[in-house]
């Protein structure tokens, strides 16, 4: 083989190696971008399977205090918001409160009968928690994210006061994730924080696995 032929072969080999490196780099960048997009979408509001609540106006587009949404269910105005996720581990269960909102709600008259069991007022303030929790154990468990909610103004709400009624209290199967909304009507909107007490974590027979915990949520001072 001549020296010139060897040179051409070496150049060709170099181009092949360079092309392989560039393709690998593009693949890595694509994988990284896809992973980043997936991580972002995982926290982009509620899950894709989320269905609008029949009793409450969809508030997902309310992100700026003072903004309002009007639809066939009524008028909903955002009074305060905390968008910083709060995560808590309770034994083999992970709980995330993705978002907390204080809103003023004037429901349509067609919903009067539903809200009469909670309040006789035609409009009211509503605290909403967007929650997600996952059972990492090998067995089904029972859990409720907000057994009680106490405002810094001293107003106490219990799970029986939840107006969203999305059946999040059903047993959570091994590896299952539940996500949805919990909401309470409050009289006084002047509070600055919430103290949320979760239920105890129980096994399927109702036996205690681990006691509940307390989660603090702060709102912007108005």
C-alpha atoms as a PDB file:
ATOM      1  CA  UNK A   1       0.000   0.000   0.000  1.00  0.00           C
ATOM      2  CA  UNK A   2       1.331   3.400  -0.971  1.00  0.00           C
ATOM      3  CA  UNK A   3       1.761   6.212   1.503  1.00  0.00           C
ATOM      4  CA  UNK A   4      -0.949   8.238  -0.317  1.00  0.00           C
ATOM      5  CA  UNK A   5      -3.493   5.386  -0.095  1.00  0.00           C
ATOM      6  CA  UNK A   6      -2.769   4.983   3.635  1.00  0.00           C
ATOM      7  CA  UNK A   7      -3.344   8.690   4.156  1.00  0.00           C
ATOM      8  CA  UNK A   8      -6.753   8.521   2.425  1.00  0.00           C
ATOM      9  CA  UNK A   9      -7.770   5.530   4.528  1.00  0.00           C
ATOM     10  CA  UNK A  10      -6.774   7.285   7.750  1.00  0.00           C
ATOM     11  CA  UNK A  11      -8.771  10.374   6.739  1.00  0.00           C
ATOM     12  CA  UNK A  12     -11.819   8.226   5.976  1.00  0.00           C
ATOM     13  CA  UNK A  13     -11.543   6.464   9.323  1.00  0.00           C
ATOM     14  CA  UNK A  14     -11.262   9.818  11.072  1.00  0.00           C
ATOM     15  CA  UNK A  15     -14.444  11.094   9.395  1.00  0.00           C
ATOM     16  CA  UNK A  16     -16.336   7.949  10.430  1.00  0.00           C
ATOM     17  CA  UNK A  17     -15.233   8.325  14.058  1.00  0.00           C
ATOM     18  CA  UNK A  18     -16.132  12.030  14.055  1.00  0.00           C
ATOM     19  CA  UNK A  19     -19.580  11.280  12.609  1.00  0.00           C
ATOM     20  CA  UNK A  20     -20.236   8.635  15.265  1.00  0.00           C
ATOM     21  CA  UNK A  21     -19.249  11.040  18.029  1.00  0.00           C
ATOM     22  CA  UNK A  22     -21.538  13.750  16.622  1.00  0.00           C
ATOM     23  CA  UNK A  23     -24.477  11.339  16.355  1.00  0.00           C
ATOM     24  CA  UNK A  24     -23.920  10.151  19.924  1.00  0.00           C
ATOM     25  CA  UNK A  25     -23.823  13.762  21.096  1.00  0.00           C
ATOM     26  CA  UNK A  26     -27.105  14.532  19.324  1.00  0.00           C
ATOM     27  CA  UNK A  27     -28.688  11.428  20.858  1.00  0.00           C
ATOM     28  CA  UNK A  28     -27.561  12.426  24.354  1.00  0.00           C
ATOM     29  CA  UNK A  29     -28.901  15.950  23.859  1.00  0.00           C
ATOM     30  CA  UNK A  30     -32.240  14.581  22.627  1.00  0.00           C
ATOM     31  CA  UNK A  31     -32.483  12.211  25.614  1.00  0.00           C
ATOM     32  CA  UNK A  32     -31.654  15.046  28.006  1.00  0.00           C
ATOM     33  CA  UNK A  33     -34.222  17.338  26.394  1.00  0.00           C
ATOM     34  CA  UNK A  34     -36.879  14.610  26.548  1.00  0.00           C
ATOM     35  CA  UNK A  35     -36.132  13.934  30.218  1.00  0.00           C
ATOM     36  CA  UNK A  36     -36.323  17.641  31.014  1.00  0.00           C
ATOM     37  CA  UNK A  37     -39.606  17.969  29.118  1.00  0.00           C
ATOM     38  CA  UNK A  38     -41.034  14.961  30.955  1.00  0.00           C
ATOM     39  CA  UNK A  39     -39.994  16.380  34.339  1.00  0.00           C
ATOM     40  CA  UNK A  40     -41.555  19.729  33.473  1.00  0.00           C
ATOM     41  CA  UNK A  41     -44.796  18.213  32.201  1.00  0.00           C
ATOM     42  CA  UNK A  42     -45.078  16.042  35.317  1.00  0.00           C
ATOM     43  CA  UNK A  43     -45.665  19.213  37.359  1.00  0.00           C
ATOM     44  CA  UNK A  44     -47.645  21.107  34.721  1.00  0.00           C
ATOM     45  CA  UNK A  45     -50.962  21.428  36.544  1.00  0.00           C
ATOM     46  CA  UNK A  46     -53.110  18.390  37.168  1.00  0.00           C
ATOM     47  CA  UNK A  47     -52.657  14.993  35.487  1.00  0.00           C
ATOM     48  CA  UNK A  48     -54.022  14.492  31.972  1.00  0.00           C
ATOM     49  CA  UNK A  49     -56.771  12.217  33.316  1.00  0.00           C
ATOM     50  CA  UNK A  50     -58.076  14.946  35.631  1.00  0.00           C
ATOM     51  CA  UNK A  51     -61.785  15.655  35.121  1.00  0.00           C
ATOM     52  CA  UNK A  52     -63.288  19.033  35.941  1.00  0.00           C
ATOM     53  CA  UNK A  53     -65.139  19.169  39.242  1.00  0.00           C
ATOM     54  CA  UNK A  54     -68.914  19.522  38.736  1.00  0.00           C
ATOM     55  CA  UNK A  55     -69.315  21.868  41.710  1.00  0.00           C
ATOM     56  CA  UNK A  56     -66.379  24.268  41.318  1.00  0.00           C
ATOM     57  CA  UNK A  57     -65.134  26.408  38.434  1.00  0.00           C
ATOM     58  CA  UNK A  58     -61.854  25.147  36.952  1.00  0.00           C
ATOM     59  CA  UNK A  59     -59.149  27.406  38.462  1.00  0.00           C
ATOM     60  CA  UNK A  60     -56.056  26.060  36.683  1.00  0.00           C
ATOM     61  CA  UNK A  61     -55.589  29.288  34.713  1.00  0.00           C
ATOM     62  CA  UNK A  62     -55.822  31.466  37.837  1.00  0.00           C
ATOM     63  CA  UNK A  63     -52.192  32.276  38.667  1.00  0.00           C
ATOM     64  CA  UNK A  64     -52.225  36.035  39.352  1.00  0.00           C
ATOM     65  CA  UNK A  65     -53.900  37.453  42.449  1.00  0.00           C
ATOM     66  CA  UNK A  66     -56.969  39.475  41.505  1.00  0.00           C
ATOM     67  CA  UNK A  67     -57.650  37.569  38.280  1.00  0.00           C
ATOM     68  CA  UNK A  68     -61.075  35.970  37.847  1.00  0.00           C
ATOM     69  CA  UNK A  69     -62.748  33.284  35.758  1.00  0.00           C
ATOM     70  CA  UNK A  70     -66.443  33.263  34.885  1.00  0.00           C
ATOM     71  CA  UNK A  71     -68.170  30.165  33.539  1.00  0.00           C
ATOM     72  CA  UNK A  72     -71.496  28.326  33.832  1.00  0.00           C
ATOM     73  CA  UNK A  73     -70.617  27.291  37.421  1.00  0.00           C
ATOM     74  CA  UNK A  74     -70.011  30.826  38.708  1.00  0.00           C
ATOM     75  CA  UNK A  75     -67.327  33.451  39.265  1.00  0.00           C
ATOM     76  CA  UNK A  76     -64.014  32.515  40.840  1.00  0.00           C
ATOM     77  CA  UNK A  77     -61.419  35.130  41.888  1.00  0.00           C
ATOM     78  CA  UNK A  78     -57.887  34.362  43.060  1.00  0.00           C
ATOM     79  CA  UNK A  79     -57.131  36.062  46.392  1.00  0.00           C
ATOM     80  CA  UNK A  80     -53.821  34.396  47.299  1.00  0.00           C
ATOM     81  CA  UNK A  81     -51.600  31.586  46.073  1.00  0.00           C
ATOM     82  CA  UNK A  82     -48.576  29.479  47.004  1.00  0.00           C
ATOM     83  CA  UNK A  83     -47.106  27.612  44.019  1.00  0.00           C
ATOM     84  CA  UNK A  84     -44.097  26.129  45.810  1.00  0.00           C
ATOM     85  CA  UNK A  85     -44.626  22.347  46.132  1.00  0.00           C
ATOM     86  CA  UNK A  86     -44.430  20.968  49.673  1.00  0.00           C
ATOM     87  CA  UNK A  87     -43.291  17.351  49.925  1.00  0.00           C
ATOM     88  CA  UNK A  88     -43.661  15.041  52.899  1.00  0.00           C
ATOM     89  CA  UNK A  89     -42.754  11.392  53.433  1.00  0.00           C
ATOM     90  CA  UNK A  90     -45.066   9.472  55.759  1.00  0.00           C
ATOM     91  CA  UNK A  91     -43.701   5.955  56.117  1.00  0.00           C
ATOM     92  CA  UNK A  92     -43.929   4.280  52.684  1.00  0.00           C
ATOM     93  CA  UNK A  93     -46.154   7.053  51.326  1.00  0.00           C
ATOM     94  CA  UNK A  94     -44.985  10.243  49.630  1.00  0.00           C
ATOM     95  CA  UNK A  95     -47.291  13.279  49.672  1.00  0.00           C
ATOM     96  CA  UNK A  96     -46.915  16.454  47.636  1.00  0.00           C
ATOM     97  CA  UNK A  97     -49.078  19.538  47.963  1.00  0.00           C
ATOM     98  CA  UNK A  98     -48.392  21.026  44.558  1.00  0.00           C
ATOM     99  CA  UNK A  99     -50.286  24.256  44.975  1.00  0.00           C
ATOM    100  CA  UNK A 100     -52.395  26.095  47.560  1.00  0.00           C
ATOM    101  CA  UNK A 101     -54.950  28.765  46.714  1.00  0.00           C
ATOM    102  CA  UNK A 102     -57.336  31.082  48.482  1.00  0.00           C
ATOM    103  CA  UNK A 103     -60.202  32.093  46.214  1.00  0.00           C
ATOM    104  CA  UNK A 104     -63.468  33.999  46.393  1.00  0.00           C
ATOM    105  CA  UNK A 105     -66.294  32.025  44.824  1.00  0.00           C
ATOM    106  CA  UNK A 106     -69.780  33.058  43.791  1.00  0.00           C
ATOM    107  CA  UNK A 107     -71.362  29.849  42.506  1.00  0.00           C
ATOM    108  CA  UNK A 108     -74.170  29.847  39.990  1.00  0.00           C
ATOM    109  CA  UNK A 109     -77.671  29.616  41.459  1.00  0.00           C
ATOM    110  CA  UNK A 110     -77.981  26.104  39.997  1.00  0.00           C
ATOM    111  CA  UNK A 111     -75.455  24.953  42.636  1.00  0.00           C
ATOM    112  CA  UNK A 112     -77.347  26.460  45.569  1.00  0.00           C
ATOM    113  CA  UNK A 113     -78.680  23.114  46.805  1.00  0.00           C
ATOM    114  CA  UNK A 114     -75.217  21.553  46.834  1.00  0.00           C
ATOM    115  CA  UNK A 115     -73.594  24.337  48.863  1.00  0.00           C
ATOM    116  CA  UNK A 116     -76.423  24.649  51.371  1.00  0.00           C
ATOM    117  CA  UNK A 117     -74.956  21.750  53.333  1.00  0.00           C
ATOM    118  CA  UNK A 118     -71.723  23.762  53.740  1.00  0.00           C
ATOM    119  CA  UNK A 119     -72.886  27.382  53.995  1.00  0.00           C
ATOM    120  CA  UNK A 120     -75.968  29.582  53.629  1.00  0.00           C
ATOM    121  CA  UNK A 121     -73.951  32.376  52.028  1.00  0.00           C
ATOM    122  CA  UNK A 122     -74.393  33.003  48.305  1.00  0.00           C
ATOM    123  CA  UNK A 123     -70.637  33.705  47.949  1.00  0.00           C
ATOM    124  CA  UNK A 124     -67.703  32.680  50.103  1.00  0.00           C
ATOM    125  CA  UNK A 125     -63.948  32.123  50.361  1.00  0.00           C
ATOM    126  CA  UNK A 126     -62.542  28.782  49.327  1.00  0.00           C
ATOM    127  CA  UNK A 127     -59.186  27.208  50.249  1.00  0.00           C
ATOM    128  CA  UNK A 128     -58.026  24.725  47.634  1.00  0.00           C
ATOM    129  CA  UNK A 129     -55.129  22.254  47.889  1.00  0.00           C
ATOM    130  CA  UNK A 130     -53.847  20.405  44.822  1.00  0.00           C
ATOM    131  CA  UNK A 131     -52.396  17.139  46.114  1.00  0.00           C
ATOM    132  CA  UNK A 132     -50.626  14.033  44.896  1.00  0.00           C
ATOM    133  CA  UNK A 133     -49.624  10.972  46.922  1.00  0.00           C
ATOM    134  CA  UNK A 134     -48.008   7.628  46.076  1.00  0.00           C
ATOM    135  CA  UNK A 135     -47.991   4.327  47.931  1.00  0.00           C
ATOM    136  CA  UNK A 136     -44.464   2.890  47.727  1.00  0.00           C
ATOM    137  CA  UNK A 137     -45.192  -0.160  49.886  1.00  0.00           C
ATOM    138  CA  UNK A 138     -46.042  -3.665  48.686  1.00  0.00           C
ATOM    139  CA  UNK A 139     -49.512  -3.575  50.257  1.00  0.00           C
ATOM    140  CA  UNK A 140     -52.599  -1.336  49.937  1.00  0.00           C
ATOM    141  CA  UNK A 141     -52.864   1.507  52.455  1.00  0.00           C
ATOM    142  CA  UNK A 142     -55.484   3.997  53.627  1.00  0.00           C
ATOM    143  CA  UNK A 143     -54.668   7.693  53.851  1.00  0.00           C
ATOM    144  CA  UNK A 144     -56.230  11.154  53.636  1.00  0.00           C
ATOM    145  CA  UNK A 145     -54.011  14.194  52.893  1.00  0.00           C
ATOM    146  CA  UNK A 146     -55.913  16.729  55.019  1.00  0.00           C
ATOM    147  CA  UNK A 147     -57.648  15.302  58.073  1.00  0.00           C
ATOM    148  CA  UNK A 148     -57.841  18.836  59.471  1.00  0.00           C
ATOM    149  CA  UNK A 149     -56.875  22.277  58.177  1.00  0.00           C
ATOM    150  CA  UNK A 150     -56.317  25.115  60.664  1.00  0.00           C
ATOM    151  CA  UNK A 151     -55.889  28.677  59.432  1.00  0.00           C
ATOM    152  CA  UNK A 152     -53.607  31.090  61.284  1.00  0.00           C
ATOM    153  CA  UNK A 153     -56.820  32.978  62.075  1.00  0.00           C
ATOM    154  CA  UNK A 154     -58.018  30.040  64.182  1.00  0.00           C
ATOM    155  CA  UNK A 155     -60.604  28.588  61.800  1.00  0.00           C
ATOM    156  CA  UNK A 156     -60.650  24.768  61.834  1.00  0.00           C
ATOM    157  CA  UNK A 157     -61.886  22.561  59.000  1.00  0.00           C
ATOM    158  CA  UNK A 158     -62.114  18.746  58.827  1.00  0.00           C
ATOM    159  CA  UNK A 159     -62.231  16.235  55.999  1.00  0.00           C
ATOM    160  CA  UNK A 160     -66.044  16.248  56.217  1.00  0.00           C
ATOM    161  CA  UNK A 161     -65.954  19.897  55.067  1.00  0.00           C
ATOM    162  CA  UNK A 162     -64.265  19.071  51.745  1.00  0.00           C
ATOM    163  CA  UNK A 163     -66.397  20.446  48.885  1.00  0.00           C
ATOM    164  CA  UNK A 164     -64.478  18.765  46.045  1.00  0.00           C
ATOM    165  CA  UNK A 165     -65.457  15.202  47.030  1.00  0.00           C
ATOM    166  CA  UNK A 166     -63.070  13.487  44.600  1.00  0.00           C
ATOM    167  CA  UNK A 167     -62.924  10.142  46.452  1.00  0.00           C
ATOM    168  CA  UNK A 168     -59.230  10.403  47.253  1.00  0.00           C
ATOM    169  CA  UNK A 169     -59.849   8.450  50.455  1.00  0.00           C
ATOM    170  CA  UNK A 170     -60.289   5.078  48.755  1.00  0.00           C
ATOM    171  CA  UNK A 171     -57.553   2.476  49.484  1.00  0.00           C
ATOM    172  CA  UNK A 172     -54.302   3.210  47.652  1.00  0.00           C
ATOM    173  CA  UNK A 173     -52.913   0.146  45.935  1.00  0.00           C
ATOM    174  CA  UNK A 174     -49.226  -0.756  45.898  1.00  0.00           C
ATOM    175  CA  UNK A 175     -47.401   1.615  43.544  1.00  0.00           C
ATOM    176  CA  UNK A 176     -50.553   3.648  42.904  1.00  0.00           C
ATOM    177  CA  UNK A 177     -50.560   7.449  42.702  1.00  0.00           C
ATOM    178  CA  UNK A 178     -53.654   9.502  43.442  1.00  0.00           C
ATOM    179  CA  UNK A 179     -53.971  13.159  42.499  1.00  0.00           C
ATOM    180  CA  UNK A 180     -56.711  15.742  42.785  1.00  0.00           C
ATOM    181  CA  UNK A 181     -58.169  18.619  44.755  1.00  0.00           C
ATOM    182  CA  UNK A 182     -59.315  19.196  48.324  1.00  0.00           C
ATOM    183  CA  UNK A 183     -61.173  22.377  49.262  1.00  0.00           C
ATOM    184  CA  UNK A 184     -62.778  24.043  52.263  1.00  0.00           C
ATOM    185  CA  UNK A 185     -65.074  27.029  52.672  1.00  0.00           C
ATOM    186  CA  UNK A 186     -63.712  29.543  55.197  1.00  0.00           C
ATOM    187  CA  UNK A 187     -65.341  32.585  56.797  1.00  0.00           C
ATOM    188  CA  UNK A 188     -62.224  34.690  57.304  1.00  0.00           C
ATOM    189  CA  UNK A 189     -59.808  35.289  54.415  1.00  0.00           C
ATOM    190  CA  UNK A 190     -57.297  37.311  56.421  1.00  0.00           C
ATOM    191  CA  UNK A 191     -55.051  34.396  57.427  1.00  0.00           C
ATOM    192  CA  UNK A 192     -51.379  34.107  56.446  1.00  0.00           C
ATOM    193  CA  UNK A 193     -50.784  30.368  56.803  1.00  0.00           C
ATOM    194  CA  UNK A 194     -52.350  26.930  57.056  1.00  0.00           C
ATOM    195  CA  UNK A 195     -51.500  24.011  59.334  1.00  0.00           C
ATOM    196  CA  UNK A 196     -52.558  20.811  57.595  1.00  0.00           C
ATOM    197  CA  UNK A 197     -52.725  17.610  59.629  1.00  0.00           C
ATOM    198  CA  UNK A 198     -52.772  14.429  57.566  1.00  0.00           C
ATOM    199  CA  UNK A 199     -54.572  11.286  58.624  1.00  0.00           C
ATOM    200  CA  UNK A 200     -52.661   8.373  60.086  1.00  0.00           C
ATOM    201  CA  UNK A 201     -51.352   5.902  57.531  1.00  0.00           C
ATOM    202  CA  UNK A 202     -53.269   2.630  57.951  1.00  0.00           C
ATOM    203  CA  UNK A 203     -53.057  -0.806  56.401  1.00  0.00           C
ATOM    204  CA  UNK A 204     -56.027  -2.370  54.635  1.00  0.00           C
ATOM    205  CA  UNK A 205     -57.332  -3.774  57.943  1.00  0.00           C
ATOM    206  CA  UNK A 206     -57.249  -0.319  59.538  1.00  0.00           C
ATOM    207  CA  UNK A 207     -54.176  -1.016  61.662  1.00  0.00           C
ATOM    208  CA  UNK A 208     -51.749   1.850  62.278  1.00  0.00           C
ATOM    209  CA  UNK A 209     -48.594   1.907  60.148  1.00  0.00           C
ATOM    210  CA  UNK A 210     -47.401   5.383  61.116  1.00  0.00           C
ATOM    211  CA  UNK A 211     -49.100   8.430  62.699  1.00  0.00           C
ATOM    212  CA  UNK A 212     -50.034  11.408  60.557  1.00  0.00           C
ATOM    213  CA  UNK A 213     -47.918  14.534  60.220  1.00  0.00           C
ATOM    214  CA  UNK A 214     -48.380  18.317  60.108  1.00  0.00           C
ATOM    215  CA  UNK A 215     -47.614  20.409  57.041  1.00  0.00           C
ATOM    216  CA  UNK A 216     -47.340  24.211  57.064  1.00  0.00           C
ATOM    217  CA  UNK A 217     -48.325  26.340  54.090  1.00  0.00           C
ATOM    218  CA  UNK A 218     -47.537  30.061  54.006  1.00  0.00           C
ATOM    219  CA  UNK A 219     -49.290  32.672  51.898  1.00  0.00           C
ATOM    220  CA  UNK A 220     -48.059  36.061  50.775  1.00  0.00           C
ATOM    221  CA  UNK A 221     -48.887  38.841  53.238  1.00  0.00           C
ATOM    222  CA  UNK A 222     -51.442  41.126  51.622  1.00  0.00           C
END
